[in-house]
C-alpha cells in the first residue's frame, strides 16, 4: 500500500508543489523536468504557475488513498501545458504527456496509447477524467 501523502494544506500551492516534487524519487528525471517547468512558468508570469500547482494538489485529492500520488501530481502540474510545452518538458514521460489535454489527439500519444497495457490505459483515463472535472469547476 502507498503511504498516505502529506498535503501540507496550509502551504501556498507553489511552495507545496516544489516541496512535493523534490521529495520523490522518480524515473527519467521527471522531478528535474518538473522543476524546469515550474521555473519556466514563473518566468512567463502568465498566471499558469499558481493554477498548475493548485491543479496538482486538487488532482492528488481526487485519487483513492491507495493510489500512487505521483501520476496524479504530475498530470495536474502539467495539465495547462500547450502541446509544444508538453513535448518540450515531457518528451520521455509518456503517461504525464498523454494526460495533458493539449496532447489528447497528438499522433505520437495516440500511437503509444494503442500499445499500452490495460492498467495504464485505465490510469490514463482516470487522470484525464479528473483533469476534466477540475477544469469544468473553473469555468
N, C-alpha and C. Protein backbone atom coordinates (compact mmCIF):
# COMPACT_ATOMS: atom_id res chain seq x y z
N UNK A 1 0.85 -1.18 0.00
CA UNK A 1 0.00 0.00 0.00
C UNK A 1 0.89 1.24 0.00
N UNK A 2 0.50 2.26 -0.75
CA UNK A 2 1.22 3.52 -0.82
C UNK A 2 0.94 4.30 0.46
N UNK A 3 1.96 4.87 1.03
CA UNK A 3 1.78 5.68 2.24
C UNK A 3 0.94 6.91 1.92
N UNK A 4 0.13 7.31 2.87
CA UNK A 4 -0.70 8.50 2.70
C UNK A 4 0.17 9.71 2.42
N UNK A 5 -0.23 10.48 1.45
CA UNK A 5 0.53 11.67 1.07
C UNK A 5 0.25 12.79 2.07
N UNK A 6 1.30 13.44 2.52
CA UNK A 6 1.14 14.59 3.41
C UNK A 6 0.93 15.81 2.54
N UNK A 7 -0.21 16.42 2.71
CA UNK A 7 -0.59 17.52 1.81
C UNK A 7 -0.11 18.89 2.25
N UNK A 8 0.23 19.06 3.51
CA UNK A 8 0.66 20.38 3.98
C UNK A 8 -0.31 21.44 3.46
N UNK A 9 -1.58 21.27 3.79
CA UNK A 9 -2.62 22.11 3.21
C UNK A 9 -2.46 23.59 3.51
N UNK A 10 -1.70 23.93 4.54
CA UNK A 10 -1.51 25.34 4.85
C UNK A 10 -0.45 25.99 3.96
N UNK A 11 0.34 25.17 3.29
CA UNK A 11 1.40 25.73 2.44
C UNK A 11 0.80 26.35 1.18
N UNK A 12 1.35 27.46 0.72
CA UNK A 12 0.91 28.01 -0.57
C UNK A 12 1.15 26.97 -1.68
N UNK A 13 0.28 26.92 -2.68
CA UNK A 13 0.36 25.88 -3.71
C UNK A 13 1.73 25.75 -4.40
N UNK A 14 2.37 26.86 -4.69
CA UNK A 14 3.66 26.79 -5.39
C UNK A 14 4.72 26.18 -4.48
N UNK A 15 4.76 26.61 -3.24
CA UNK A 15 5.72 26.05 -2.28
C UNK A 15 5.45 24.55 -2.08
N UNK A 16 4.17 24.21 -1.96
CA UNK A 16 3.78 22.81 -1.78
C UNK A 16 4.23 21.97 -2.96
N UNK A 17 3.97 22.44 -4.18
CA UNK A 17 4.33 21.67 -5.38
C UNK A 17 5.84 21.47 -5.48
N UNK A 18 6.59 22.52 -5.21
CA UNK A 18 8.05 22.39 -5.27
C UNK A 18 8.55 21.41 -4.21
N UNK A 19 7.97 21.48 -3.02
CA UNK A 19 8.39 20.57 -1.94
C UNK A 19 8.07 19.12 -2.29
N UNK A 20 6.86 18.88 -2.77
CA UNK A 20 6.47 17.52 -3.13
C UNK A 20 7.36 17.00 -4.25
N UNK A 21 7.57 17.80 -5.28
CA UNK A 21 8.39 17.39 -6.42
C UNK A 21 9.80 17.01 -5.98
N UNK A 22 10.37 17.76 -5.05
CA UNK A 22 11.74 17.49 -4.58
C UNK A 22 11.82 16.27 -3.67
N UNK A 23 10.69 15.86 -3.11
CA UNK A 23 10.71 14.78 -2.11
C UNK A 23 10.65 13.38 -2.71
N UNK A 24 10.32 13.27 -3.98
CA UNK A 24 10.11 11.95 -4.58
C UNK A 24 11.27 11.48 -5.43
N UNK A 25 11.48 10.18 -5.43
CA UNK A 25 12.36 9.55 -6.40
C UNK A 25 11.48 9.17 -7.59
N UNK A 26 11.85 9.64 -8.75
CA UNK A 26 11.05 9.38 -9.95
C UNK A 26 11.96 8.92 -11.08
N UNK A 27 11.36 8.35 -12.09
CA UNK A 27 12.11 7.85 -13.24
C UNK A 27 12.45 8.95 -14.23
N UNK A 28 13.54 8.76 -14.92
CA UNK A 28 13.93 9.59 -16.06
C UNK A 28 13.95 11.08 -15.76
N UNK A 29 14.32 11.42 -14.54
CA UNK A 29 14.47 12.83 -14.15
C UNK A 29 13.19 13.66 -14.27
N UNK A 30 12.04 13.03 -14.07
CA UNK A 30 10.79 13.79 -14.14
C UNK A 30 10.79 14.94 -13.14
N UNK A 31 11.39 14.75 -11.97
CA UNK A 31 11.43 15.84 -10.99
C UNK A 31 12.24 17.03 -11.52
N UNK A 32 13.34 16.77 -12.22
CA UNK A 32 14.13 17.86 -12.79
C UNK A 32 13.35 18.57 -13.91
N UNK A 33 12.68 17.80 -14.73
CA UNK A 33 11.87 18.39 -15.80
C UNK A 33 10.72 19.20 -15.22
N UNK A 34 10.17 18.73 -14.11
CA UNK A 34 9.08 19.45 -13.46
C UNK A 34 9.57 20.74 -12.83
N UNK A 35 10.75 20.69 -12.23
CA UNK A 35 11.33 21.90 -11.65
C UNK A 35 11.60 22.93 -12.76
N UNK A 36 12.08 22.46 -13.91
CA UNK A 36 12.30 23.35 -15.06
C UNK A 36 10.97 23.92 -15.54
N UNK A 37 9.91 23.13 -15.52
CA UNK A 37 8.57 23.58 -15.91
C UNK A 37 8.10 24.69 -14.96
N UNK A 38 8.28 24.47 -13.66
CA UNK A 38 7.86 25.48 -12.69
C UNK A 38 8.65 26.77 -12.88
N UNK A 39 9.94 26.66 -13.11
CA UNK A 39 10.77 27.85 -13.36
C UNK A 39 10.33 28.55 -14.64
N UNK A 40 10.04 27.78 -15.66
CA UNK A 40 9.57 28.32 -16.95
C UNK A 40 8.26 29.10 -16.75
N UNK A 41 7.32 28.50 -16.02
CA UNK A 41 6.05 29.19 -15.77
C UNK A 41 6.25 30.46 -14.95
N UNK A 42 7.16 30.41 -13.99
CA UNK A 42 7.45 31.60 -13.18
C UNK A 42 7.99 32.71 -14.06
N UNK A 43 8.83 32.35 -15.02
CA UNK A 43 9.38 33.34 -15.94
C UNK A 43 8.34 33.93 -16.88
N UNK A 44 7.37 33.10 -17.27
CA UNK A 44 6.31 33.60 -18.15
C UNK A 44 5.39 34.58 -17.44
N UNK A 45 5.14 34.30 -16.16
CA UNK A 45 4.26 35.14 -15.36
C UNK A 45 2.90 35.35 -16.03
N UNK A 46 2.34 34.25 -16.56
CA UNK A 46 1.06 34.33 -17.25
C UNK A 46 -0.11 33.79 -16.42
N UNK A 47 0.14 33.52 -15.15
CA UNK A 47 -0.92 33.05 -14.26
C UNK A 47 -1.02 31.54 -14.17
N UNK A 48 -0.31 30.82 -15.02
CA UNK A 48 -0.44 29.36 -15.00
C UNK A 48 0.36 28.69 -13.88
N UNK A 49 1.36 29.34 -13.34
CA UNK A 49 2.16 28.71 -12.28
C UNK A 49 1.27 28.39 -11.08
N UNK A 50 0.59 29.36 -10.57
CA UNK A 50 -0.29 29.16 -9.41
C UNK A 50 -1.37 28.12 -9.74
N UNK A 51 -2.02 28.28 -10.88
CA UNK A 51 -3.09 27.36 -11.27
C UNK A 51 -2.58 25.93 -11.45
N UNK A 52 -1.39 25.77 -12.04
CA UNK A 52 -0.83 24.43 -12.23
C UNK A 52 -0.56 23.75 -10.90
N UNK A 53 -0.03 24.48 -9.96
CA UNK A 53 0.24 23.93 -8.63
C UNK A 53 -1.05 23.60 -7.89
N UNK A 54 -2.05 24.45 -8.04
CA UNK A 54 -3.36 24.16 -7.45
C UNK A 54 -3.98 22.92 -8.08
N UNK A 55 -3.83 22.78 -9.39
CA UNK A 55 -4.36 21.60 -10.08
C UNK A 55 -3.65 20.33 -9.61
N UNK A 56 -2.35 20.41 -9.39
CA UNK A 56 -1.60 19.25 -8.91
C UNK A 56 -2.13 18.80 -7.55
N UNK A 57 -2.35 19.75 -6.66
CA UNK A 57 -2.86 19.40 -5.33
C UNK A 57 -4.29 18.87 -5.42
N UNK A 58 -5.11 19.53 -6.21
CA UNK A 58 -6.51 19.10 -6.34
C UNK A 58 -6.62 17.72 -6.97
N UNK A 59 -5.80 17.46 -7.98
CA UNK A 59 -5.86 16.16 -8.63
C UNK A 59 -5.40 15.06 -7.67
N UNK A 60 -4.40 15.34 -6.87
CA UNK A 60 -3.97 14.38 -5.85
C UNK A 60 -5.10 14.06 -4.88
N UNK A 61 -5.92 15.06 -4.58
CA UNK A 61 -7.03 14.86 -3.66
C UNK A 61 -8.15 14.02 -4.26
N UNK A 62 -8.19 13.88 -5.58
CA UNK A 62 -9.22 13.06 -6.23
C UNK A 62 -8.88 11.57 -6.23
N UNK A 63 -7.63 11.24 -6.06
CA UNK A 63 -7.22 9.85 -6.13
C UNK A 63 -7.68 9.07 -4.90
N UNK A 64 -7.73 7.76 -5.07
CA UNK A 64 -8.02 6.91 -3.93
C UNK A 64 -6.78 6.86 -3.04
N UNK A 65 -6.97 6.66 -1.76
CA UNK A 65 -5.89 6.69 -0.78
C UNK A 65 -4.75 5.75 -1.16
N UNK A 66 -5.05 4.59 -1.71
CA UNK A 66 -4.00 3.61 -2.00
C UNK A 66 -3.40 3.78 -3.40
N UNK A 67 -3.86 4.75 -4.17
CA UNK A 67 -3.27 5.02 -5.49
C UNK A 67 -1.96 5.79 -5.32
N UNK A 68 -1.00 5.47 -6.14
CA UNK A 68 0.27 6.19 -6.15
C UNK A 68 -0.02 7.65 -6.50
N UNK A 69 0.40 8.60 -5.68
CA UNK A 69 0.08 10.00 -5.95
C UNK A 69 0.89 10.63 -7.09
N UNK A 70 2.00 10.02 -7.47
CA UNK A 70 2.88 10.65 -8.45
C UNK A 70 2.20 10.92 -9.79
N UNK A 71 1.54 9.95 -10.41
CA UNK A 71 0.90 10.27 -11.70
C UNK A 71 -0.14 11.38 -11.58
N UNK A 72 -0.84 11.40 -10.47
CA UNK A 72 -1.87 12.42 -10.25
C UNK A 72 -1.23 13.80 -10.09
N UNK A 73 -0.18 13.86 -9.30
CA UNK A 73 0.52 15.11 -9.08
C UNK A 73 1.06 15.67 -10.40
N UNK A 74 1.80 14.85 -11.13
CA UNK A 74 2.44 15.34 -12.35
C UNK A 74 1.43 15.65 -13.45
N UNK A 75 0.36 14.87 -13.55
CA UNK A 75 -0.69 15.18 -14.53
C UNK A 75 -1.31 16.54 -14.22
N UNK A 76 -1.56 16.80 -12.95
CA UNK A 76 -2.12 18.10 -12.57
C UNK A 76 -1.13 19.24 -12.80
N UNK A 77 0.12 18.99 -12.48
CA UNK A 77 1.14 20.03 -12.64
C UNK A 77 1.29 20.47 -14.09
N UNK A 78 1.14 19.54 -15.02
CA UNK A 78 1.35 19.85 -16.43
C UNK A 78 0.05 20.02 -17.23
N UNK A 79 -1.09 19.94 -16.59
CA UNK A 79 -2.35 19.91 -17.34
C UNK A 79 -2.63 21.19 -18.13
N UNK A 80 -2.00 22.27 -17.80
CA UNK A 80 -2.22 23.53 -18.52
C UNK A 80 -1.18 23.77 -19.61
N UNK A 81 -0.31 22.81 -19.83
CA UNK A 81 0.73 22.96 -20.85
C UNK A 81 0.13 22.93 -22.25
N UNK A 82 0.72 23.69 -23.14
CA UNK A 82 0.37 23.60 -24.55
C UNK A 82 1.01 22.33 -25.11
N UNK A 83 0.65 21.97 -26.32
CA UNK A 83 1.25 20.79 -26.95
C UNK A 83 2.76 20.97 -27.08
N UNK A 84 3.20 22.15 -27.49
CA UNK A 84 4.64 22.40 -27.65
C UNK A 84 5.35 22.30 -26.30
N UNK A 85 4.75 22.81 -25.25
CA UNK A 85 5.36 22.74 -23.92
C UNK A 85 5.41 21.30 -23.42
N UNK A 86 4.34 20.55 -23.64
CA UNK A 86 4.32 19.15 -23.22
C UNK A 86 5.42 18.36 -23.93
N UNK A 87 5.59 18.62 -25.21
CA UNK A 87 6.64 17.92 -25.96
C UNK A 87 8.02 18.32 -25.44
N UNK A 88 8.17 19.57 -25.07
CA UNK A 88 9.47 20.07 -24.58
C UNK A 88 9.82 19.50 -23.21
N UNK A 89 8.88 19.52 -22.28
CA UNK A 89 9.17 19.14 -20.90
C UNK A 89 8.87 17.68 -20.59
N UNK A 90 8.05 17.03 -21.40
CA UNK A 90 7.60 15.67 -21.09
C UNK A 90 7.90 14.66 -22.19
N UNK A 91 8.86 14.95 -23.02
CA UNK A 91 9.12 14.12 -24.18
C UNK A 91 9.18 12.63 -23.85
N UNK A 92 9.86 12.26 -22.78
CA UNK A 92 10.02 10.84 -22.45
C UNK A 92 9.09 10.38 -21.31
N UNK A 93 8.21 11.24 -20.86
CA UNK A 93 7.30 10.91 -19.75
C UNK A 93 5.90 10.67 -20.32
N UNK A 94 5.71 9.49 -20.84
CA UNK A 94 4.54 9.20 -21.68
C UNK A 94 3.20 9.34 -20.98
N UNK A 95 3.06 8.82 -19.78
CA UNK A 95 1.76 8.90 -19.09
C UNK A 95 1.40 10.35 -18.81
N UNK A 96 2.33 11.10 -18.27
CA UNK A 96 2.06 12.50 -17.96
C UNK A 96 1.76 13.28 -19.24
N UNK A 97 2.57 13.07 -20.27
CA UNK A 97 2.35 13.77 -21.53
C UNK A 97 0.98 13.42 -22.12
N UNK A 98 0.59 12.16 -22.04
CA UNK A 98 -0.70 11.73 -22.59
C UNK A 98 -1.88 12.30 -21.79
N UNK A 99 -1.65 12.62 -20.52
CA UNK A 99 -2.72 13.18 -19.69
C UNK A 99 -2.97 14.65 -19.96
N UNK A 100 -2.01 15.34 -20.57
CA UNK A 100 -2.14 16.77 -20.87
C UNK A 100 -3.25 16.95 -21.91
N UNK A 101 -4.28 17.71 -21.60
CA UNK A 101 -5.39 17.87 -22.55
C UNK A 101 -4.95 18.29 -23.95
N UNK A 102 -3.95 19.13 -24.06
CA UNK A 102 -3.49 19.60 -25.38
C UNK A 102 -2.85 18.48 -26.20
N UNK A 103 -2.54 17.36 -25.56
CA UNK A 103 -1.87 16.25 -26.25
C UNK A 103 -2.82 15.10 -26.60
N UNK A 104 -4.08 15.24 -26.27
CA UNK A 104 -5.02 14.14 -26.43
C UNK A 104 -5.05 13.57 -27.85
N UNK A 105 -4.95 14.42 -28.85
CA UNK A 105 -5.02 13.97 -30.24
C UNK A 105 -3.67 13.97 -30.94
N UNK A 106 -2.59 14.07 -30.16
CA UNK A 106 -1.25 14.05 -30.73
C UNK A 106 -0.98 12.67 -31.33
N UNK A 107 -0.42 12.64 -32.51
CA UNK A 107 -0.19 11.39 -33.22
C UNK A 107 0.68 10.41 -32.43
N UNK A 108 1.76 10.90 -31.84
CA UNK A 108 2.65 10.02 -31.06
C UNK A 108 1.95 9.49 -29.82
N UNK A 109 1.14 10.32 -29.18
CA UNK A 109 0.40 9.88 -27.99
C UNK A 109 -0.62 8.81 -28.39
N UNK A 110 -1.32 9.02 -29.49
CA UNK A 110 -2.31 8.04 -29.95
C UNK A 110 -1.65 6.70 -30.30
N UNK A 111 -0.51 6.76 -30.95
CA UNK A 111 0.22 5.54 -31.30
C UNK A 111 0.66 4.80 -30.04
N UNK A 112 1.21 5.53 -29.07
CA UNK A 112 1.61 4.93 -27.81
C UNK A 112 0.41 4.34 -27.08
N UNK A 113 -0.70 5.07 -27.07
CA UNK A 113 -1.90 4.63 -26.36
C UNK A 113 -2.40 3.29 -26.90
N UNK A 114 -2.26 3.07 -28.18
CA UNK A 114 -2.70 1.81 -28.79
C UNK A 114 -1.87 0.62 -28.33
N UNK A 115 -0.73 0.87 -27.72
CA UNK A 115 0.19 -0.21 -27.34
C UNK A 115 0.33 -0.41 -25.83
N UNK A 116 -0.40 0.35 -25.04
CA UNK A 116 -0.22 0.27 -23.58
C UNK A 116 -1.06 -0.84 -22.96
N UNK A 117 -0.66 -1.22 -21.79
CA UNK A 117 -1.37 -2.24 -21.04
C UNK A 117 -2.70 -1.69 -20.54
N UNK A 118 -3.66 -2.57 -20.27
CA UNK A 118 -4.97 -2.12 -19.78
C UNK A 118 -4.89 -1.30 -18.49
N UNK A 119 -3.97 -1.66 -17.60
CA UNK A 119 -3.84 -0.92 -16.33
C UNK A 119 -3.39 0.52 -16.58
N UNK A 120 -2.49 0.69 -17.54
CA UNK A 120 -2.01 2.02 -17.87
C UNK A 120 -3.11 2.83 -18.53
N UNK A 121 -3.86 2.19 -19.42
CA UNK A 121 -4.99 2.87 -20.08
C UNK A 121 -6.03 3.29 -19.06
N UNK A 122 -6.27 2.46 -18.06
CA UNK A 122 -7.24 2.80 -17.01
C UNK A 122 -6.75 3.99 -16.18
N UNK A 123 -5.48 3.98 -15.82
CA UNK A 123 -4.91 5.11 -15.08
C UNK A 123 -5.01 6.38 -15.89
N UNK A 124 -4.64 6.32 -17.15
CA UNK A 124 -4.70 7.50 -18.01
C UNK A 124 -6.12 8.03 -18.11
N UNK A 125 -7.08 7.15 -18.23
CA UNK A 125 -8.48 7.59 -18.30
C UNK A 125 -8.90 8.27 -17.00
N UNK A 126 -8.48 7.74 -15.86
CA UNK A 126 -8.79 8.37 -14.56
C UNK A 126 -8.17 9.76 -14.46
N UNK A 127 -6.92 9.87 -14.91
CA UNK A 127 -6.24 11.17 -14.87
C UNK A 127 -6.96 12.17 -15.76
N UNK A 128 -7.30 11.75 -16.95
CA UNK A 128 -8.00 12.65 -17.89
C UNK A 128 -9.36 13.07 -17.35
N UNK A 129 -10.10 12.13 -16.77
CA UNK A 129 -11.41 12.47 -16.19
C UNK A 129 -11.25 13.44 -15.02
N UNK A 130 -10.24 13.22 -14.19
CA UNK A 130 -10.00 14.10 -13.06
C UNK A 130 -9.67 15.51 -13.51
N UNK A 131 -8.81 15.63 -14.51
CA UNK A 131 -8.46 16.95 -15.04
C UNK A 131 -9.69 17.62 -15.62
N UNK A 132 -10.46 16.87 -16.37
CA UNK A 132 -11.69 17.42 -16.97
C UNK A 132 -12.64 17.91 -15.90
N UNK A 133 -12.79 17.12 -14.85
CA UNK A 133 -13.67 17.52 -13.74
C UNK A 133 -13.20 18.80 -13.08
N UNK A 134 -11.91 18.89 -12.79
CA UNK A 134 -11.37 20.10 -12.16
C UNK A 134 -11.49 21.33 -13.05
N UNK A 135 -11.24 21.14 -14.33
CA UNK A 135 -11.33 22.28 -15.26
C UNK A 135 -12.77 22.72 -15.45
N UNK A 136 -13.71 21.80 -15.38
CA UNK A 136 -15.11 22.19 -15.54
C UNK A 136 -15.59 23.02 -14.34
N UNK A 137 -14.97 22.80 -13.17
CA UNK A 137 -15.33 23.58 -11.99
C UNK A 137 -14.75 24.99 -12.05
N UNK A 138 -13.70 25.18 -12.85
CA UNK A 138 -13.09 26.50 -13.00
C UNK A 138 -13.92 27.39 -13.92
N UNK A 139 -14.64 26.78 -14.83
CA UNK A 139 -15.40 27.56 -15.84
C UNK A 139 -16.56 28.30 -15.24
